[in-house]
Amino acid sequence: MKFKDYFKVNTKTIVATGLGAAIFMLLFMYVKVPSPVPETSFQTAYGLSAFFGTLFGPIAGGLIAFIGHALSDAVQYGSPWWSWVIASGVASFIFGFAYKRTGVEEGDFGKKDIITFNVIQIIGNVFAWLLLAPVLDIVVYSEPVNLVFTQGAIAAILNSIATGVMGTLLLIAYAKTRTKKGSLSRD
């Protein structure tokens, strides 16, 4: 697969993005477990964005989390916290690099695919939450360094676990609905 194929946008991508962003927003608002660190939670929504990113690519994954997180913040708090909204979008954009690297569309999501998916999502979470979000918090909002890096570390751990568990389970379930390549024979 060519690198540019990861960034193709078609009608399916647009529909998936709209649907995914709406579901992401609802999960982000209502299906989370708070952590002891302020403003960080175990967010099930990242498993959904990773699922959509794996099926539709980085553009869909990134936009789903960016739009869903921004809308969630706007509804709950009156305005988005842009540093974390951007980090959500970037993490989920990176999740999308699992697109076409797994056999999920062919009905095969085995051990190798699970490892590939989880390596990619951990890279996305670590980059977004240990580096990007804290740096943007400091630059944009002048937040205290110790607080934002503590929040970032907890977010990276919790989001990696949430994405790994939820995303893997969704992809396994989806793969089981697909017809395996070569499984049909002519009588």
Protein backbone atom coordinates (compact mmCIF):
# COMPACT_ATOMS: atom_id res chain seq x y z
CA MET A 1 0.00 0.00 0.00
CA LYS A 2 1.25 3.44 -0.91
CA PHE A 3 1.61 6.10 1.77
CA LYS A 4 -0.86 8.41 0.00
CA ASP A 5 -3.54 5.68 0.24
CA TYR A 6 -3.75 6.35 3.99
CA PHE A 7 -5.09 9.83 3.27
CA LYS A 8 -7.80 9.15 0.69
CA VAL A 9 -11.17 10.57 1.65
CA ASN A 10 -14.36 9.19 0.15
CA THR A 11 -18.05 9.11 1.06
CA LYS A 12 -17.53 6.19 3.48
CA THR A 13 -14.81 8.15 5.28
CA ILE A 14 -17.05 11.21 5.65
CA VAL A 15 -20.03 9.20 6.91
CA ALA A 16 -17.81 7.25 9.33
CA THR A 17 -16.32 10.51 10.60
CA GLY A 18 -19.72 12.05 11.33
CA LEU A 19 -21.09 8.94 13.00
CA GLY A 20 -17.86 8.31 14.89
CA ALA A 21 -17.61 11.89 16.17
CA ALA A 22 -21.17 11.75 17.54
CA ILE A 23 -20.58 8.43 19.31
CA PHE A 24 -17.14 9.58 20.51
CA MET A 25 -18.71 12.72 22.04
CA LEU A 26 -21.31 10.67 23.94
CA LEU A 27 -18.76 8.12 25.17
CA PHE A 28 -16.36 10.92 26.12
CA MET A 29 -19.06 12.62 28.19
CA TYR A 30 -20.80 9.65 29.80
CA VAL A 31 -18.71 6.46 29.64
CA LYS A 32 -15.55 7.25 31.58
CA VAL A 33 -13.97 6.45 34.92
CA PRO A 34 -12.30 9.37 36.75
CA SER A 35 -8.73 9.00 37.99
CA PRO A 36 -7.26 10.49 41.18
CA VAL A 37 -5.41 13.07 39.04
CA PRO A 38 -7.61 16.11 38.25
CA GLU A 39 -9.11 16.32 34.75
CA THR A 40 -7.97 12.84 33.68
CA SER A 41 -10.16 9.79 33.18
CA PHE A 42 -10.19 6.28 31.78
CA GLN A 43 -11.85 7.22 28.45
CA THR A 44 -13.56 4.45 26.49
CA ALA A 45 -14.01 6.84 23.55
CA TYR A 46 -10.41 6.31 22.40
CA GLY A 47 -11.13 2.64 21.71
CA LEU A 48 -13.87 3.80 19.35
CA SER A 49 -11.64 6.29 17.52
CA ALA A 50 -8.95 3.60 17.17
CA PHE A 51 -11.56 1.19 15.79
CA PHE A 52 -12.75 3.71 13.20
CA GLY A 53 -9.17 4.77 12.43
CA THR A 54 -8.19 1.16 11.76
CA LEU A 55 -11.16 0.71 9.42
CA PHE A 56 -11.13 4.09 7.64
CA GLY A 57 -7.63 5.55 8.08
CA PRO A 58 -5.87 8.37 9.91
CA ILE A 59 -8.08 11.20 8.59
CA ALA A 60 -11.24 9.59 9.96
CA GLY A 61 -9.58 8.61 13.24
CA GLY A 62 -8.13 12.07 13.82
CA LEU A 63 -11.28 13.98 12.91
CA ILE A 64 -13.52 11.72 14.99
CA ALA A 65 -11.54 12.40 18.17
CA PHE A 66 -10.89 16.08 17.39
CA ILE A 67 -14.54 16.88 16.64
CA GLY A 68 -15.95 14.59 19.34
CA HIS A 69 -13.65 15.96 22.05
CA ALA A 70 -14.24 19.59 20.99
CA LEU A 71 -18.02 19.14 21.02
CA SER A 72 -17.91 17.32 24.36
CA ASP A 73 -15.88 20.12 25.96
CA ALA A 74 -18.12 22.80 24.44
CA VAL A 75 -21.28 21.12 25.75
CA GLN A 76 -19.89 20.29 29.20
CA TYR A 77 -17.67 23.29 29.94
CA GLY A 78 -18.72 26.03 27.53
CA SER A 79 -15.56 25.94 25.42
CA PRO A 80 -13.00 23.35 24.30
CA TRP A 81 -9.67 22.92 26.06
CA TRP A 82 -7.77 23.11 22.78
CA SER A 83 -4.48 21.59 23.87
CA TRP A 84 -6.19 18.33 24.80
CA VAL A 85 -8.59 18.46 21.86
CA ILE A 86 -5.59 18.70 19.51
CA ALA A 87 -3.82 15.88 21.38
CA SER A 88 -6.94 13.70 21.04
CA GLY A 89 -7.03 14.33 17.32
CA VAL A 90 -3.32 13.62 16.90
CA ALA A 91 -3.44 10.42 18.96
CA SER A 92 -6.38 9.12 16.95
CA PHE A 93 -4.75 10.22 13.69
CA ILE A 94 -1.78 8.04 14.64
CA PHE A 95 -4.15 5.16 15.54
CA GLY A 96 -5.28 5.35 11.91
CA PHE A 97 -1.91 4.07 10.73
CA ALA A 98 -3.19 0.60 11.67
CA TYR A 99 -5.39 1.04 8.57
CA LYS A 100 -4.53 -1.68 6.05
CA ARG A 101 -1.81 -3.05 8.38
CA THR A 102 -4.22 -5.59 9.84
CA GLY A 103 -6.41 -8.24 8.27
CA VAL A 104 -9.58 -7.04 10.00
CA GLU A 105 -11.40 -6.29 6.72
CA GLU A 106 -10.60 -9.81 5.48
CA GLY A 107 -12.05 -11.34 8.65
CA ASP A 108 -8.68 -12.02 10.23
CA PHE A 109 -7.58 -10.19 13.37
CA GLY A 110 -5.12 -12.56 14.96
CA LYS A 111 -2.21 -12.25 17.38
CA LYS A 112 0.05 -10.44 14.89
CA ASP A 113 -2.70 -7.93 14.04
CA ILE A 114 -3.48 -7.32 17.71
CA ILE A 115 0.20 -6.63 18.41
CA THR A 116 0.49 -4.32 15.38
CA PHE A 117 -2.64 -2.41 16.39
CA ASN A 118 -1.51 -2.04 20.01
CA VAL A 119 2.03 -0.93 19.16
CA ILE A 120 0.57 1.80 16.94
CA GLN A 121 -1.99 2.95 19.51
CA ILE A 122 0.59 3.05 22.31
CA ILE A 123 2.87 5.19 20.12
CA GLY A 124 -0.06 7.53 19.45
CA ASN A 125 -1.03 7.78 23.11
CA VAL A 126 2.50 8.30 24.37
CA PHE A 127 3.24 11.01 21.80
CA ALA A 128 -0.06 12.83 22.31
CA TRP A 129 -0.27 12.69 26.10
CA LEU A 130 3.35 12.65 27.30
CA LEU A 131 4.60 15.28 24.86
CA LEU A 132 2.01 17.17 22.85
CA ALA A 133 -0.73 17.88 25.43
CA PRO A 134 1.63 19.01 28.23
CA VAL A 135 3.68 21.24 25.90
CA LEU A 136 0.53 22.82 24.47
CA ASP A 137 -0.87 23.31 28.00
CA ILE A 138 2.29 25.18 28.96
CA VAL A 139 2.52 27.25 25.75
CA VAL A 140 -1.18 28.04 25.26
CA TYR A 141 -2.56 28.13 28.80
CA SER A 142 0.56 28.77 30.94
CA GLU A 143 -0.26 25.75 33.07
CA PRO A 144 2.19 24.56 35.77
CA VAL A 145 4.78 22.14 34.37
CA ASN A 146 4.50 19.52 37.14
CA LEU A 147 0.72 19.31 36.86
CA VAL A 148 0.52 18.97 33.08
CA PHE A 149 3.22 16.31 32.83
CA THR A 150 1.58 14.33 35.67
CA GLN A 151 -1.78 14.61 33.89
CA GLY A 152 -0.12 13.65 30.62
CA ALA A 153 1.53 10.56 32.10
CA ILE A 154 -1.71 9.36 33.68
CA ALA A 155 -3.64 10.10 30.45
CA ALA A 156 -1.07 8.18 28.39
CA ILE A 157 -1.37 5.13 30.64
CA LEU A 158 -5.16 5.19 30.98
CA ASN A 159 -5.80 5.95 27.31
CA SER A 160 -3.38 3.22 26.19
CA ILE A 161 -5.22 0.70 28.37
CA ALA A 162 -8.67 1.92 27.25
CA THR A 163 -7.67 1.94 23.59
CA GLY A 164 -5.96 -1.42 23.85
CA VAL A 165 -8.89 -3.14 25.52
CA MET A 166 -11.84 -1.44 23.79
CA GLY A 167 -10.20 -1.10 20.37
CA THR A 168 -8.97 -4.69 20.33
CA LEU A 169 -12.36 -6.07 21.40
CA LEU A 170 -14.21 -3.99 18.78
CA LEU A 171 -11.80 -5.07 16.05
CA ILE A 172 -12.02 -8.76 17.03
CA ALA A 173 -15.82 -8.56 17.00
CA TYR A 174 -15.83 -6.74 13.66
CA ALA A 175 -13.42 -9.23 12.07
CA LYS A 176 -15.78 -12.06 13.03
CA THR A 177 -18.53 -10.41 10.97
CA ARG A 178 -16.38 -10.42 7.83
CA THR A 179 -16.10 -13.31 5.41
CA LYS A 180 -12.56 -14.66 5.46
CA LYS A 181 -10.72 -14.41 2.18
CA GLY A 182 -10.81 -17.74 0.35
CA SER A 183 -13.41 -19.23 2.70
CA LEU A 184 -16.09 -19.48 0.03
CA SER A 185 -15.88 -22.18 -2.58
CA ARG A 186 -17.89 -22.84 -5.71
CA ASP A 187 -19.95 -26.06 -5.78
